[in-house]
Amino acid sequence: VAIAMTIAGFVNLAMMATAAAAFHFSGHTGVADLDEAYLTLQPLLSHAAATVFGLSLVAAGLSSTVVGTLAGQVVMQGFIRFHIPLWVRRTVTMLPSFIVILMGLDPT
């Protein structure tokens, strides 16, 4: 788990450093959200670089989620010796999403 967290941290650091360097040296210091970052990276580096940046954000999010889940599982099962049945875990994690969808709310 520690190795995975370290790798995920370095990937996030590399993405932030790349984007910050590209924006700083081109004078775009007011980039505040991901849409603006993507649209600013396209003319600076290329369409492919902006796409790779977006895909790496998705990969970083997925790796963070997996590492966080694994760390929680190690703590709960290894150190505390507490086991939650699979159906309870799935219900607790999926029920809020289903409620939001059934209520017709915008999940974003």
C-alpha atoms as a PDB file:
ATOM      1  CA  VAL A   1       0.000   0.000   0.000  1.00  0.00           C
ATOM      2  CA  ALA A   2       2.844   2.390   0.842  1.00  0.00           C
ATOM      3  CA  ILE A   3       4.506   1.797  -2.534  1.00  0.00           C
ATOM      4  CA  ALA A   4       1.232   2.391  -4.394  1.00  0.00           C
ATOM      5  CA  MET A   5       0.598   5.605  -2.442  1.00  0.00           C
ATOM      6  CA  THR A   6       4.127   6.815  -3.205  1.00  0.00           C
ATOM      7  CA  ILE A   7       3.748   6.124  -6.928  1.00  0.00           C
ATOM      8  CA  ALA A   8       0.347   7.845  -7.023  1.00  0.00           C
ATOM      9  CA  GLY A   9       1.835  10.839  -5.229  1.00  0.00           C
ATOM     10  CA  PHE A  10       4.691  11.129  -7.717  1.00  0.00           C
ATOM     11  CA  VAL A  11       2.268  10.884 -10.664  1.00  0.00           C
ATOM     12  CA  ASN A  12       0.137  13.677  -9.198  1.00  0.00           C
ATOM     13  CA  LEU A  13       3.240  15.764  -8.517  1.00  0.00           C
ATOM     14  CA  ALA A  14       4.508  15.292 -12.081  1.00  0.00           C
ATOM     15  CA  MET A  15       1.149  16.326 -13.556  1.00  0.00           C
ATOM     16  CA  MET A  16       0.953  19.430 -11.387  1.00  0.00           C
ATOM     17  CA  ALA A  17       4.544  20.426 -12.160  1.00  0.00           C
ATOM     18  CA  THR A  18       4.045  19.976 -15.913  1.00  0.00           C
ATOM     19  CA  ALA A  19       0.844  22.008 -16.007  1.00  0.00           C
ATOM     20  CA  ALA A  20       2.235  24.702 -13.702  1.00  0.00           C
ATOM     21  CA  ALA A  21       5.385  25.081 -15.799  1.00  0.00           C
ATOM     22  CA  ALA A  22       3.415  25.276 -19.047  1.00  0.00           C
ATOM     23  CA  PHE A  23       1.016  27.870 -17.641  1.00  0.00           C
ATOM     24  CA  HIS A  24       3.634  29.951 -15.805  1.00  0.00           C
ATOM     25  CA  PHE A  25       6.099  30.310 -18.664  1.00  0.00           C
ATOM     26  CA  SER A  26       3.343  31.208 -21.131  1.00  0.00           C
ATOM     27  CA  GLY A  27       1.807  33.832 -18.833  1.00  0.00           C
ATOM     28  CA  HIS A  28      -1.424  31.960 -18.060  1.00  0.00           C
ATOM     29  CA  THR A  29      -1.331  32.277 -14.276  1.00  0.00           C
ATOM     30  CA  GLY A  30      -5.089  32.559 -13.732  1.00  0.00           C
ATOM     31  CA  VAL A  31      -6.090  28.986 -14.673  1.00  0.00           C
ATOM     32  CA  ALA A  32      -8.605  27.952 -12.020  1.00  0.00           C
ATOM     33  CA  ASP A  33     -10.439  24.821 -13.190  1.00  0.00           C
ATOM     34  CA  LEU A  34      -9.872  21.686 -15.246  1.00  0.00           C
ATOM     35  CA  ASP A  35     -11.869  22.827 -18.278  1.00  0.00           C
ATOM     36  CA  GLU A  36      -9.790  25.970 -18.526  1.00  0.00           C
ATOM     37  CA  ALA A  37      -6.575  23.983 -18.008  1.00  0.00           C
ATOM     38  CA  TYR A  38      -7.485  21.614 -20.843  1.00  0.00           C
ATOM     39  CA  LEU A  39      -8.398  24.443 -23.214  1.00  0.00           C
ATOM     40  CA  THR A  40      -5.219  26.343 -22.300  1.00  0.00           C
ATOM     41  CA  LEU A  41      -2.954  23.320 -22.809  1.00  0.00           C
ATOM     42  CA  GLN A  42      -4.271  22.670 -26.334  1.00  0.00           C
ATOM     43  CA  PRO A  43      -2.670  25.700 -28.028  1.00  0.00           C
ATOM     44  CA  LEU A  44       0.399  25.688 -25.757  1.00  0.00           C
ATOM     45  CA  LEU A  45       1.546  22.093 -26.167  1.00  0.00           C
ATOM     46  CA  SER A  46      -0.838  20.234 -28.507  1.00  0.00           C
ATOM     47  CA  HIS A  47      -4.205  18.536 -28.605  1.00  0.00           C
ATOM     48  CA  ALA A  48      -2.515  15.227 -27.772  1.00  0.00           C
ATOM     49  CA  ALA A  49      -0.794  16.717 -24.703  1.00  0.00           C
ATOM     50  CA  ALA A  50      -4.088  18.107 -23.439  1.00  0.00           C
ATOM     51  CA  THR A  51      -5.743  14.719 -23.970  1.00  0.00           C
ATOM     52  CA  VAL A  52      -2.909  12.914 -22.179  1.00  0.00           C
ATOM     53  CA  PHE A  53      -3.240  15.419 -19.318  1.00  0.00           C
ATOM     54  CA  GLY A  54      -6.969  14.651 -19.055  1.00  0.00           C
ATOM     55  CA  LEU A  55      -6.438  10.900 -19.182  1.00  0.00           C
ATOM     56  CA  SER A  56      -3.716  11.134 -16.558  1.00  0.00           C
ATOM     57  CA  LEU A  57      -6.138  12.998 -14.291  1.00  0.00           C
ATOM     58  CA  VAL A  58      -8.597  10.126 -14.669  1.00  0.00           C
ATOM     59  CA  ALA A  59      -5.842   7.590 -13.967  1.00  0.00           C
ATOM     60  CA  ALA A  60      -4.701   9.550 -10.912  1.00  0.00           C
ATOM     61  CA  GLY A  61      -8.250   9.636  -9.575  1.00  0.00           C
ATOM     62  CA  LEU A  62      -8.704   5.915 -10.084  1.00  0.00           C
ATOM     63  CA  SER A  63      -5.375   5.086  -8.474  1.00  0.00           C
ATOM     64  CA  SER A  64      -6.186   7.311  -5.499  1.00  0.00           C
ATOM     65  CA  THR A  65      -9.506   5.563  -5.072  1.00  0.00           C
ATOM     66  CA  VAL A  66      -7.986   2.098  -5.266  1.00  0.00           C
ATOM     67  CA  VAL A  67      -5.127   2.936  -2.909  1.00  0.00           C
ATOM     68  CA  GLY A  68      -7.490   4.523  -0.391  1.00  0.00           C
ATOM     69  CA  THR A  69      -9.767   1.505  -0.501  1.00  0.00           C
ATOM     70  CA  LEU A  70      -6.881  -0.922  -0.078  1.00  0.00           C
ATOM     71  CA  ALA A  71      -5.455   1.096   2.815  1.00  0.00           C
ATOM     72  CA  GLY A  72      -8.835   1.058   4.541  1.00  0.00           C
ATOM     73  CA  GLN A  73      -9.166  -2.667   3.977  1.00  0.00           C
ATOM     74  CA  VAL A  74      -5.709  -3.339   5.433  1.00  0.00           C
ATOM     75  CA  VAL A  75      -6.496  -1.288   8.521  1.00  0.00           C
ATOM     76  CA  MET A  76      -9.942  -2.794   9.061  1.00  0.00           C
ATOM     77  CA  GLN A  77      -9.014  -6.434   8.486  1.00  0.00           C
ATOM     78  CA  GLY A  78      -5.372  -6.541   9.526  1.00  0.00           C
ATOM     79  CA  PHE A  79      -5.075  -4.261  12.509  1.00  0.00           C
ATOM     80  CA  ILE A  80      -8.582  -4.050  13.948  1.00  0.00           C
ATOM     81  CA  ARG A  81      -9.689  -7.541  12.876  1.00  0.00           C
ATOM     82  CA  PHE A  82     -13.073  -6.162  11.884  1.00  0.00           C
ATOM     83  CA  HIS A  83     -14.841  -7.719   8.901  1.00  0.00           C
ATOM     84  CA  ILE A  84     -17.902  -6.274   7.156  1.00  0.00           C
ATOM     85  CA  PRO A  85     -19.880  -8.651   4.912  1.00  0.00           C
ATOM     86  CA  LEU A  86     -19.618  -7.977   1.182  1.00  0.00           C
ATOM     87  CA  TRP A  87     -23.340  -7.273   0.719  1.00  0.00           C
ATOM     88  CA  VAL A  88     -23.248  -4.604   3.455  1.00  0.00           C
ATOM     89  CA  ARG A  89     -20.227  -2.895   1.865  1.00  0.00           C
ATOM     90  CA  ARG A  90     -21.880  -2.858  -1.541  1.00  0.00           C
ATOM     91  CA  THR A  91     -25.160  -1.568  -0.140  1.00  0.00           C
ATOM     92  CA  VAL A  92     -23.483   1.230   1.799  1.00  0.00           C
ATOM     93  CA  THR A  93     -21.411   2.350  -1.180  1.00  0.00           C
ATOM     94  CA  MET A  94     -24.101   2.109  -3.867  1.00  0.00           C
ATOM     95  CA  LEU A  95     -27.223   3.224  -2.007  1.00  0.00           C
ATOM     96  CA  PRO A  96     -26.407   6.973  -1.958  1.00  0.00           C
ATOM     97  CA  SER A  97     -25.781   6.941  -5.713  1.00  0.00           C
ATOM     98  CA  PHE A  98     -29.054   5.173  -6.401  1.00  0.00           C
ATOM     99  CA  ILE A  99     -30.946   7.626  -4.196  1.00  0.00           C
ATOM    100  CA  VAL A 100     -29.462  10.602  -6.063  1.00  0.00           C
ATOM    101  CA  ILE A 101     -30.320   9.039  -9.431  1.00  0.00           C
ATOM    102  CA  LEU A 102     -33.852   8.035  -8.402  1.00  0.00           C
ATOM    103  CA  MET A 103     -34.534  11.543  -7.068  1.00  0.00           C
ATOM    104  CA  GLY A 104     -33.592  12.906 -10.492  1.00  0.00           C
ATOM    105  CA  LEU A 105     -30.815  15.128  -9.154  1.00  0.00           C
ATOM    106  CA  ASP A 106     -27.794  16.136 -11.180  1.00  0.00           C
ATOM    107  CA  PRO A 107     -24.918  14.001  -9.806  1.00  0.00           C
ATOM    108  CA  THR A 108     -22.317  16.522 -10.955  1.00  0.00           C
END
